[in-house]
Amino acid sequence: MVNQLSAGVDLFFVLSGVVLGRSFFKSHTQNKQHGLRLFYLSRLVRIGPPYWIALFLVLIFFTPNFIDAQLVFSAQGLERLFVFGTFMQSFDPISFGAFGVISPYWTLSIEIVFYLLLPAIVLLIERIGSALTIFIAYTISFSWLGFVALKAPWLSDLLQSFSTAHGVSQSKEFVLFMLSHQIPQYLPHFAIGTAIGMRLTNRREAYSVGASKTMLLVYVVSLLGVLYFLGTLSLRGGFYNPLVYIDLGNWQKACYFFGESSIYAFIFGGLCLASARIAEIGVWSKGLGYYGKIGYSVYLLHMPLLFAVIRTELFQRIAASGGLRFVWLSLLTLGLITLISHGYYIAVEKPMHSLGTRIRVSGLKHAVDN
């Protein structure tokens, strides 16, 4: 199950659909003429500065000990800096995965594309309904993955040629892996999340607390089962190396390739919908709310901090001990990440979040007054 913790990416995308679906739908209904421009401006203010500052700090303090200096201080390095700075790292075979300590940043490229597609997704849900929109999203996703599994004949060759022309040699497997992590793969996540966000906006009391608890239990059990099943496939087949399982000739590889993300979209969507009506969870509600608040800072900093803490003498000493070392290592890393992310949230993210909110509120007020 620990092997499958990367499913947090899938949860992140579904939650983005839920939160932004609600936010966009509210502003869209309040002022259709001005809401879109204000939405994009506030999102850029909200996510841009914290990301750029974190990117700058990582490149300053983690080069060359964790990042090869040649990846930064070279012609390709300048291109990578521009690509990362403009949120395009997932679309460039030279930049994709280049800086290992900030590997999770590829998801921001997908998130930006979702922002651009959000009005279309909302319109589609309004016109043809949630179920058909989600079905179309899954159809596109599986069709895209099938294209990638068939070696993406012309596109993969084009990307390899592009890399070679820029002095970087990328294998066919690497290019296929990059293609498998593009926006078509994650359309179900955003469609499901947006549909839930709009449903919660329109009908907050859709389910009783009792029904929600039952549904929540079903989805939690399903999640644990999927974590165990896919985690077992991954460990047995060596799928922690993502370059080996894009293969339709082996049912286990094909099952993992098509299911590793799509099934989580459905389950996390169900968890979001079920938990929206449950208020009697006490301290857990506050704890989850806190990590939700500092979540973007955690996202930006957790991987560099993990790389750094693993090299400390304290970590190595605990790792070499027996007994509850897994528990102590988890507490050490979680505590450090939480502490530093909290400080980053207060110093950087919170002011930008407040500014983005003020831009939308003042903009909508001005539009209504006019």
Protein backbone atom coordinates (compact mmCIF):
# COMPACT_ATOMS: atom_id res chain seq x y z
CA MET A 1 0.00 0.00 0.00
CA VAL A 2 2.91 2.34 0.70
CA ASN A 3 4.02 1.57 -2.86
CA GLN A 4 0.83 3.24 -4.11
CA LEU A 5 1.10 6.53 -2.22
CA SER A 6 1.70 8.26 -5.55
CA ALA A 7 -2.08 7.99 -5.88
CA GLY A 8 -2.03 11.26 -3.96
CA VAL A 9 -1.60 12.84 -7.40
CA ASP A 10 -4.97 11.39 -8.44
CA LEU A 11 -6.58 12.74 -5.27
CA PHE A 12 -5.01 16.13 -5.96
CA PHE A 13 -6.56 16.26 -9.44
CA VAL A 14 -10.00 15.16 -8.25
CA LEU A 15 -9.96 17.70 -5.42
CA SER A 16 -8.94 20.40 -7.89
CA GLY A 17 -12.04 19.60 -9.89
CA VAL A 18 -14.24 19.71 -6.77
CA VAL A 19 -12.89 22.98 -5.36
CA LEU A 20 -12.41 24.85 -8.62
CA GLY A 21 -15.65 23.47 -10.04
CA ARG A 22 -17.54 25.03 -7.12
CA SER A 23 -15.56 28.28 -7.26
CA PHE A 24 -15.89 28.68 -11.01
CA PHE A 25 -19.56 27.78 -11.02
CA LYS A 26 -20.32 30.38 -8.35
CA SER A 27 -18.45 33.19 -10.11
CA HIS A 28 -19.81 32.07 -13.47
CA THR A 29 -23.40 32.34 -12.28
CA GLN A 30 -22.77 35.64 -10.48
CA ASN A 31 -21.22 37.41 -13.43
CA LYS A 32 -20.79 35.52 -16.70
CA GLN A 33 -19.07 38.39 -18.49
CA HIS A 34 -16.26 39.10 -16.03
CA GLY A 35 -15.95 35.91 -13.99
CA LEU A 36 -13.60 34.06 -16.36
CA ARG A 37 -10.95 36.77 -16.56
CA LEU A 38 -10.96 37.26 -12.80
CA PHE A 39 -10.84 33.52 -12.24
CA TYR A 40 -7.66 33.11 -14.29
CA LEU A 41 -5.98 36.16 -12.79
CA SER A 42 -6.69 35.05 -9.23
CA ARG A 43 -5.47 31.50 -9.95
CA LEU A 44 -2.19 32.81 -11.39
CA VAL A 45 -1.64 35.02 -8.33
CA ARG A 46 -2.59 32.11 -6.07
CA ILE A 47 -0.24 29.45 -7.46
CA GLY A 48 2.44 31.35 -9.37
CA PRO A 49 4.58 33.22 -6.79
CA PRO A 50 4.76 30.35 -4.23
CA TYR A 51 5.80 27.99 -7.04
CA TRP A 52 8.41 30.33 -8.52
CA ILE A 53 9.94 31.07 -5.12
CA ALA A 54 10.10 27.36 -4.22
CA LEU A 55 11.64 26.56 -7.62
CA PHE A 56 14.27 29.29 -7.13
CA LEU A 57 15.15 28.15 -3.60
CA VAL A 58 15.48 24.49 -4.63
CA LEU A 59 17.74 25.30 -7.58
CA ILE A 60 19.90 27.52 -5.35
CA PHE A 61 20.29 25.20 -2.36
CA PHE A 62 20.08 21.76 -4.00
CA THR A 63 22.57 22.32 -6.83
CA PRO A 64 25.01 20.58 -7.18
CA ASN A 65 24.54 18.19 -4.23
CA PHE A 66 21.14 16.90 -5.39
CA ILE A 67 20.81 18.35 -8.88
CA ASP A 68 23.55 17.92 -11.48
CA ALA A 69 24.94 21.38 -12.19
CA GLN A 70 25.08 20.55 -15.90
CA LEU A 71 21.29 20.25 -15.92
CA VAL A 72 21.04 23.89 -14.80
CA PHE A 73 24.16 25.69 -16.05
CA SER A 74 24.05 24.86 -19.76
CA ALA A 75 22.12 25.76 -22.89
CA GLN A 76 19.62 23.02 -22.11
CA GLY A 77 19.55 24.28 -18.53
CA LEU A 78 18.40 27.72 -19.64
CA GLU A 79 15.66 26.11 -21.69
CA ARG A 80 14.62 24.00 -18.70
CA LEU A 81 14.45 27.08 -16.47
CA PHE A 82 12.18 28.81 -18.97
CA VAL A 83 10.01 25.72 -19.36
CA PHE A 84 9.65 25.21 -15.60
CA GLY A 85 9.02 28.90 -15.05
CA THR A 86 6.13 28.85 -17.53
CA PHE A 87 4.56 25.63 -16.15
CA MET A 88 5.36 23.65 -19.32
CA GLN A 89 7.65 20.99 -17.82
CA SER A 90 5.28 18.10 -18.57
CA PHE A 91 5.21 18.87 -22.29
CA ASP A 92 8.95 19.11 -22.93
CA PRO A 93 10.95 15.83 -23.17
CA ILE A 94 14.12 17.72 -22.24
CA SER A 95 12.65 19.09 -19.01
CA PHE A 96 10.28 16.31 -17.93
CA GLY A 97 11.79 14.69 -14.82
CA ALA A 98 15.05 16.61 -15.23
CA PHE A 99 15.32 17.81 -11.64
CA GLY A 100 14.63 14.75 -9.50
CA VAL A 101 14.12 16.64 -6.25
CA ILE A 102 11.15 18.51 -7.73
CA SER A 103 9.72 15.67 -9.78
CA PRO A 104 6.14 16.26 -8.49
CA TYR A 105 6.08 19.65 -10.24
CA TRP A 106 5.04 17.97 -13.49
CA THR A 107 1.48 17.96 -12.16
CA LEU A 108 1.31 21.76 -12.31
CA SER A 109 1.44 21.60 -16.11
CA ILE A 110 -1.61 19.35 -16.08
CA GLU A 111 -3.33 21.63 -13.58
CA ILE A 112 -2.79 24.68 -15.81
CA VAL A 113 -4.35 22.89 -18.78
CA PHE A 114 -7.31 21.97 -16.56
CA TYR A 115 -7.81 25.66 -15.78
CA LEU A 116 -8.10 26.30 -19.51
CA LEU A 117 -10.49 23.38 -20.02
CA LEU A 118 -12.64 24.09 -16.98
CA PRO A 119 -15.15 26.37 -18.77
CA ALA A 120 -15.66 23.69 -21.44
CA ILE A 121 -16.09 20.94 -18.83
CA VAL A 122 -18.63 23.05 -16.93
CA LEU A 123 -20.52 23.80 -20.14
CA LEU A 124 -20.51 20.12 -21.12
CA ILE A 125 -21.87 19.06 -17.73
CA GLU A 126 -24.59 21.70 -17.95
CA ARG A 127 -25.58 20.63 -21.48
CA ILE A 128 -25.38 16.83 -21.44
CA GLY A 129 -25.12 15.96 -17.74
CA SER A 130 -22.42 14.63 -15.43
CA ALA A 131 -22.67 10.93 -16.32
CA LEU A 132 -22.22 11.43 -20.07
CA THR A 133 -19.42 13.95 -19.53
CA ILE A 134 -17.54 11.50 -17.31
CA PHE A 135 -18.11 8.71 -19.85
CA ILE A 136 -16.63 10.87 -22.61
CA ALA A 137 -13.67 11.71 -20.38
CA TYR A 138 -12.96 8.02 -19.71
CA THR A 139 -13.30 7.24 -23.42
CA ILE A 140 -10.73 9.88 -24.32
CA SER A 141 -8.44 8.74 -21.50
CA PHE A 142 -8.45 5.05 -22.47
CA SER A 143 -8.11 5.89 -26.16
CA TRP A 144 -5.07 8.03 -25.39
CA LEU A 145 -3.49 5.32 -23.23
CA GLY A 146 -4.14 2.78 -25.98
CA PHE A 147 -2.36 5.06 -28.46
CA VAL A 148 0.59 5.33 -26.08
CA ALA A 149 0.64 1.57 -25.46
CA LEU A 150 0.87 1.06 -29.23
CA LYS A 151 4.11 3.11 -29.03
CA ALA A 152 2.55 6.40 -30.20
CA PRO A 153 4.19 5.80 -33.61
CA TRP A 154 4.53 9.31 -35.07
CA LEU A 155 4.36 11.40 -31.90
CA SER A 156 7.04 9.53 -29.96
CA ASP A 157 9.39 9.71 -32.97
CA LEU A 158 8.78 13.45 -33.23
CA LEU A 159 9.57 14.02 -29.56
CA GLN A 160 12.70 11.89 -29.74
CA SER A 161 13.89 13.87 -32.77
CA PHE A 162 13.16 17.12 -30.91
CA SER A 163 15.26 15.97 -27.95
CA THR A 164 18.15 14.86 -30.13
CA ALA A 165 18.13 18.16 -32.01
CA HIS A 166 18.52 19.93 -28.65
CA GLY A 167 21.44 17.77 -27.56
CA VAL A 168 19.56 15.38 -25.25
CA SER A 169 18.99 11.72 -26.07
CA GLN A 170 15.75 10.27 -24.69
CA SER A 171 14.73 6.62 -25.01
CA LYS A 172 11.47 5.53 -26.60
CA GLU A 173 10.31 4.18 -23.21
CA PHE A 174 10.95 7.52 -21.51
CA VAL A 175 8.99 9.42 -24.17
CA LEU A 176 6.09 6.97 -23.89
CA PHE A 177 6.03 7.37 -20.12
CA MET A 178 5.92 11.14 -20.54
CA LEU A 179 3.05 10.83 -23.01
CA SER A 180 1.14 8.61 -20.61
CA HIS A 181 1.18 11.45 -18.08
CA GLN A 182 -0.55 14.09 -20.16
CA ILE A 183 -3.93 15.77 -19.76
CA PRO A 184 -5.98 13.09 -21.63
CA GLN A 185 -4.98 10.56 -18.97
CA TYR A 186 -6.46 12.74 -16.23
CA LEU A 187 -9.64 14.01 -17.86
CA PRO A 188 -11.76 11.59 -15.78
CA HIS A 189 -10.33 13.06 -12.58
CA PHE A 190 -11.24 16.60 -13.55
CA ALA A 191 -14.63 15.65 -15.00
CA ILE A 192 -15.58 13.71 -11.86
CA GLY A 193 -14.30 16.43 -9.54
CA THR A 194 -16.00 19.24 -11.44
CA ALA A 195 -19.29 17.34 -11.54
CA ILE A 196 -19.13 16.82 -7.77
CA GLY A 197 -18.23 20.46 -7.18
CA MET A 198 -21.23 21.63 -9.18
CA ARG A 199 -23.48 19.10 -7.47
CA LEU A 200 -22.41 20.34 -4.03
CA THR A 201 -23.00 23.91 -5.12
CA ASN A 202 -26.51 23.22 -6.37
CA ARG A 203 -27.65 20.57 -3.91
CA ARG A 204 -25.60 20.59 -0.74
CA GLU A 205 -28.06 18.24 1.01
CA ALA A 206 -27.90 15.56 -1.67
CA TYR A 207 -27.36 12.71 0.82
CA SER A 208 -28.24 12.13 4.45
CA VAL A 209 -25.43 11.74 6.95
CA GLY A 210 -26.29 8.06 7.43
CA ALA A 211 -26.21 7.32 3.71
CA SER A 212 -22.99 9.29 3.36
CA LYS A 213 -21.32 7.26 6.12
CA THR A 214 -22.31 4.01 4.42
CA MET A 215 -21.05 5.25 1.07
CA LEU A 216 -17.84 6.50 2.68
CA LEU A 217 -17.21 3.06 4.21
CA VAL A 218 -17.74 1.37 0.84
CA TYR A 219 -15.29 3.68 -0.90
CA VAL A 220 -12.67 3.40 1.86
CA VAL A 221 -12.78 -0.41 1.68
CA SER A 222 -12.59 -0.19 -2.12
CA LEU A 223 -9.61 2.15 -1.89
CA LEU A 224 -7.73 -0.18 0.44
CA GLY A 225 -8.46 -3.11 -1.87
CA VAL A 226 -7.20 -1.26 -4.94
CA LEU A 227 -4.10 -0.04 -3.09
CA TYR A 228 -3.31 -3.63 -2.12
CA PHE A 229 -4.04 -5.10 -5.55
CA LEU A 230 -2.11 -2.56 -7.61
CA GLY A 231 0.68 -2.40 -5.03
CA THR A 232 1.08 -6.17 -5.25
CA LEU A 233 1.22 -6.03 -9.06
CA SER A 234 3.79 -3.25 -8.87
CA LEU A 235 6.12 -5.04 -6.46
CA ARG A 236 5.89 -8.38 -8.25
CA GLY A 237 6.44 -6.88 -11.69
CA GLY A 238 8.96 -4.21 -10.77
CA PHE A 239 6.55 -1.49 -11.84
CA TYR A 240 8.20 1.01 -9.51
CA ASN A 241 10.27 1.49 -12.68
CA PRO A 242 7.57 3.10 -14.87
CA LEU A 243 9.43 2.34 -18.09
CA VAL A 244 8.65 -1.39 -17.96
CA TYR A 245 4.86 -1.67 -17.79
CA ILE A 246 3.72 0.02 -21.01
CA ASP A 247 3.10 -3.35 -22.65
CA LEU A 248 -0.18 -4.74 -23.98
CA GLY A 249 1.32 -8.21 -24.37
CA ASN A 250 1.21 -8.94 -20.62
CA TRP A 251 -2.15 -8.78 -18.83
CA GLN A 252 -0.61 -7.68 -15.53
CA LYS A 253 1.28 -4.83 -17.17
CA ALA A 254 -1.77 -3.81 -19.20
CA CYS A 255 -3.99 -3.96 -16.10
CA TYR A 256 -1.59 -1.76 -14.18
CA PHE A 257 -1.06 0.65 -17.07
CA PHE A 258 -4.76 1.28 -17.70
CA GLY A 259 -5.87 1.04 -14.07
CA GLU A 260 -3.17 2.77 -12.02
CA SER A 261 -4.84 6.17 -12.35
CA SER A 262 -8.33 5.71 -13.81
CA ILE A 263 -9.66 3.58 -10.95
CA TYR A 264 -8.41 6.07 -8.37
CA ALA A 265 -10.29 8.87 -10.12
CA PHE A 266 -13.57 7.03 -9.56
CA ILE A 267 -12.81 6.05 -5.95
CA PHE A 268 -11.53 9.44 -4.84
CA GLY A 269 -14.54 11.07 -6.47
CA GLY A 270 -16.80 8.84 -4.41
CA LEU A 271 -14.86 9.66 -1.25
CA CYS A 272 -15.21 13.39 -1.90
CA LEU A 273 -18.94 13.11 -2.51
CA ALA A 274 -19.54 10.88 0.52
CA SER A 275 -17.46 12.90 2.97
CA ALA A 276 -19.01 16.24 1.99
CA ARG A 277 -22.02 15.58 4.21
CA ILE A 278 -20.23 14.18 7.24
CA ALA A 279 -19.57 16.74 9.94
CA GLU A 280 -19.24 14.50 13.02
CA ILE A 281 -15.56 13.60 12.62
CA GLY A 282 -14.24 15.91 15.34
CA VAL A 283 -10.50 16.30 15.53
CA TRP A 284 -10.00 14.53 12.20
CA SER A 285 -11.93 17.33 10.51
CA LYS A 286 -9.58 19.95 11.98
CA GLY A 287 -6.50 17.90 11.15
CA LEU A 288 -7.49 17.32 7.55
CA GLY A 289 -8.57 20.95 7.27
CA TYR A 290 -5.16 22.08 8.48
CA TYR A 291 -3.28 19.95 5.94
CA GLY A 292 -5.73 21.09 3.29
CA LYS A 293 -4.81 24.68 4.12
CA ILE A 294 -1.04 24.15 3.92
CA GLY A 295 -1.38 21.48 1.21
CA TYR A 296 0.12 23.53 -1.62
CA SER A 297 3.17 24.36 0.48
CA VAL A 298 3.51 20.68 1.39
CA TYR A 299 3.27 19.81 -2.30
CA LEU A 300 5.99 22.30 -3.25
CA LEU A 301 8.44 21.37 -0.49
CA HIS A 302 7.93 17.74 0.51
CA MET A 303 10.16 16.08 -2.10
CA PRO A 304 13.21 18.35 -1.67
CA LEU A 305 12.89 17.99 2.11
CA LEU A 306 12.71 14.20 1.82
CA PHE A 307 15.86 14.17 -0.31
CA ALA A 308 17.62 16.32 2.29
CA VAL A 309 16.47 14.55 5.46
CA ILE A 310 17.37 11.10 4.12
CA ARG A 311 21.01 12.16 4.11
CA THR A 312 21.05 13.32 7.72
CA GLU A 313 22.85 11.32 10.37
CA LEU A 314 19.69 11.10 12.50
CA PHE A 315 17.71 9.53 9.66
CA GLN A 316 20.46 7.03 8.88
CA ARG A 317 20.78 6.10 12.54
CA ILE A 318 17.03 5.45 12.90
CA ALA A 319 16.95 3.57 9.59
CA ALA A 320 19.66 1.25 10.83
CA SER A 321 17.77 0.41 13.99
CA GLY A 322 15.11 -2.25 14.36
CA GLY A 323 11.67 -2.31 15.87
CA LEU A 324 9.51 0.68 15.09
CA ARG A 325 11.94 2.40 12.73
CA PHE A 326 9.24 2.83 10.06
CA VAL A 327 7.07 4.70 12.56
CA TRP A 328 9.90 6.90 13.80
CA LEU A 329 11.07 7.70 10.27
CA SER A 330 7.51 8.61 9.27
CA LEU A 331 7.11 10.88 12.29
CA LEU A 332 10.48 12.53 11.64
CA THR A 333 9.80 13.27 7.98
CA LEU A 334 6.16 14.26 8.49
CA GLY A 335 7.06 16.56 11.39
CA LEU A 336 9.82 18.30 9.45
CA ILE A 337 7.72 18.70 6.31
CA THR A 338 4.77 20.02 8.31
CA LEU A 339 6.89 22.52 10.25
CA ILE A 340 8.67 24.00 7.24
CA SER A 341 5.55 23.94 5.06
CA HIS A 342 3.64 25.79 7.77
CA GLY A 343 6.29 28.50 7.81
CA TYR A 344 6.26 28.70 4.01
CA TYR A 345 2.47 28.96 4.01
CA ILE A 346 2.53 31.87 6.47
CA ALA A 347 5.38 33.70 4.74
CA VAL A 348 4.58 33.13 1.07
CA GLU A 349 1.41 31.26 0.24
CA LYS A 350 -1.11 32.91 2.57
CA PRO A 351 -0.42 36.47 1.33
CA MET A 352 -0.80 35.31 -2.29
CA HIS A 353 -3.99 33.44 -1.44
CA SER A 354 -5.42 36.57 0.19
CA LEU A 355 -4.41 38.70 -2.79
CA GLY A 356 -6.05 36.29 -5.23
CA THR A 357 -9.25 36.34 -3.19
CA ARG A 358 -9.26 40.14 -3.05
CA ILE A 359 -8.80 40.34 -6.82
CA ARG A 360 -11.83 38.15 -7.45
CA VAL A 361 -14.04 39.80 -4.83
CA SER A 362 -13.18 43.37 -5.83
CA GLY A 363 -13.43 42.52 -9.50
CA LEU A 364 -16.85 40.95 -9.15
CA LYS A 365 -18.04 43.84 -6.98
CA HIS A 366 -16.83 46.34 -9.56
CA ALA A 367 -18.54 44.40 -12.35
CA VAL A 368 -21.83 44.25 -10.44
CA ASP A 369 -21.67 47.97 -9.60
CA ASN A 370 -21.12 48.82 -13.26
